[in-house]
């Protein structure tokens, strides 16, 4: 995603090569919907986790996932560690 955010043409080439997308309008839509909206630091949001839990809960209510906290489903320790080491800051340069 780092490359996609900084080089729209290269992002388009990747889509063409690997996903066989030739329509420039679709490439532009995918760029706007993916690259531009992707956060600089990809920490999972509580809302996204809750939505995923709800989706799984519909198919598997016996798991009683809605009764659990979203933090039980994620571990952001590695993200915090690489942020502490300057990984995201270095990407921005």
Protein backbone atom coordinates (compact mmCIF):
# COMPACT_ATOMS: atom_id res chain seq x y z
CA UNK A 1 0.00 0.00 0.00
CA UNK A 2 2.95 2.31 0.57
CA UNK A 3 3.82 2.17 -3.11
CA UNK A 4 0.18 2.58 -4.13
CA UNK A 5 -0.19 5.76 -2.07
CA UNK A 6 2.91 7.31 -3.64
CA UNK A 7 2.86 6.11 -7.22
CA UNK A 8 -0.54 5.86 -8.88
CA UNK A 9 0.94 4.72 -12.20
CA UNK A 10 2.84 1.85 -10.57
CA UNK A 11 -0.31 0.87 -8.67
CA UNK A 12 -2.17 0.76 -11.99
CA UNK A 13 0.55 -1.42 -13.52
CA UNK A 14 0.26 -3.89 -10.63
CA UNK A 15 -3.50 -4.07 -11.10
CA UNK A 16 -3.08 -4.64 -14.82
CA UNK A 17 -0.40 -7.28 -14.43
CA UNK A 18 -1.74 -9.35 -11.56
CA UNK A 19 -5.49 -8.71 -11.65
CA UNK A 20 -5.73 -8.27 -15.44
CA UNK A 21 -7.61 -4.99 -15.02
CA UNK A 22 -7.36 -2.95 -18.20
CA UNK A 23 -10.15 -0.40 -17.76
CA UNK A 24 -8.52 2.88 -16.62
CA UNK A 25 -11.76 3.94 -14.92
CA UNK A 26 -11.70 0.81 -12.76
CA UNK A 27 -8.02 1.36 -11.96
CA UNK A 28 -8.87 4.90 -10.86
CA UNK A 29 -11.79 3.69 -8.71
CA UNK A 30 -9.60 1.05 -7.08
CA UNK A 31 -6.89 3.63 -6.46
CA UNK A 32 -9.34 6.03 -4.81
CA UNK A 33 -11.08 3.31 -2.78
CA UNK A 34 -7.97 1.48 -1.66
CA UNK A 35 -4.75 3.44 -1.83
CA UNK A 36 -6.07 6.84 -0.79
CA UNK A 37 -8.20 5.56 2.07
CA UNK A 38 -5.63 3.15 3.48
CA UNK A 39 -4.30 4.47 6.79
CA UNK A 40 -0.61 5.33 7.18
CA UNK A 41 -0.53 3.14 10.28
CA UNK A 42 -2.70 0.07 9.67
CA UNK A 43 -4.00 -0.50 13.17
CA UNK A 44 -7.32 -2.38 13.14
CA UNK A 45 -10.26 -0.23 14.19
CA UNK A 46 -12.68 -1.40 16.85
CA UNK A 47 -15.53 -0.77 14.41
CA UNK A 48 -13.98 -3.02 11.74
CA UNK A 49 -13.41 -5.77 14.28
CA UNK A 50 -16.97 -5.46 15.60
CA UNK A 51 -18.31 -5.69 12.05
CA UNK A 52 -16.23 -8.81 11.32
CA UNK A 53 -17.38 -10.38 14.58
CA UNK A 54 -21.01 -9.64 13.71
CA UNK A 55 -20.54 -11.19 10.27
CA UNK A 56 -19.09 -14.38 11.74
CA UNK A 57 -21.69 -14.42 14.51
CA UNK A 58 -24.53 -14.53 11.99
CA UNK A 59 -23.21 -17.80 10.57
CA UNK A 60 -21.96 -19.19 13.90
CA UNK A 61 -24.17 -17.90 16.75
CA UNK A 62 -23.11 -20.79 18.97
CA UNK A 63 -19.67 -19.14 19.31
CA UNK A 64 -21.26 -16.18 21.16
CA UNK A 65 -18.63 -13.85 19.74
CA UNK A 66 -20.70 -10.72 20.33
CA UNK A 67 -20.27 -11.22 24.06
CA UNK A 68 -16.50 -10.74 23.78
CA UNK A 69 -14.44 -7.55 23.58
CA UNK A 70 -12.88 -6.63 20.23
CA UNK A 71 -9.45 -6.55 21.89
CA UNK A 72 -9.73 -10.30 22.39
CA UNK A 73 -9.48 -10.80 18.63
CA UNK A 74 -6.45 -8.65 17.87
CA UNK A 75 -2.86 -8.27 18.95
CA UNK A 76 -1.23 -5.07 17.80
CA UNK A 77 2.02 -5.64 19.70
CA UNK A 78 4.03 -6.09 16.51
CA UNK A 79 2.57 -2.94 14.97
CA UNK A 80 3.41 -0.99 18.11
CA UNK A 81 6.94 -2.37 18.08
CA UNK A 82 7.66 -1.42 14.47
CA UNK A 83 6.09 1.99 15.04
CA UNK A 84 8.36 2.47 18.06
CA UNK A 85 11.34 1.53 15.86
CA UNK A 86 10.36 4.23 13.35
CA UNK A 87 9.06 2.00 10.57
CA UNK A 88 6.11 4.20 9.63
CA UNK A 89 8.10 7.38 10.01
CA UNK A 90 10.76 5.98 7.64
CA UNK A 91 8.11 5.04 5.07
CA UNK A 92 6.89 8.61 4.96
CA UNK A 93 10.35 9.90 3.98
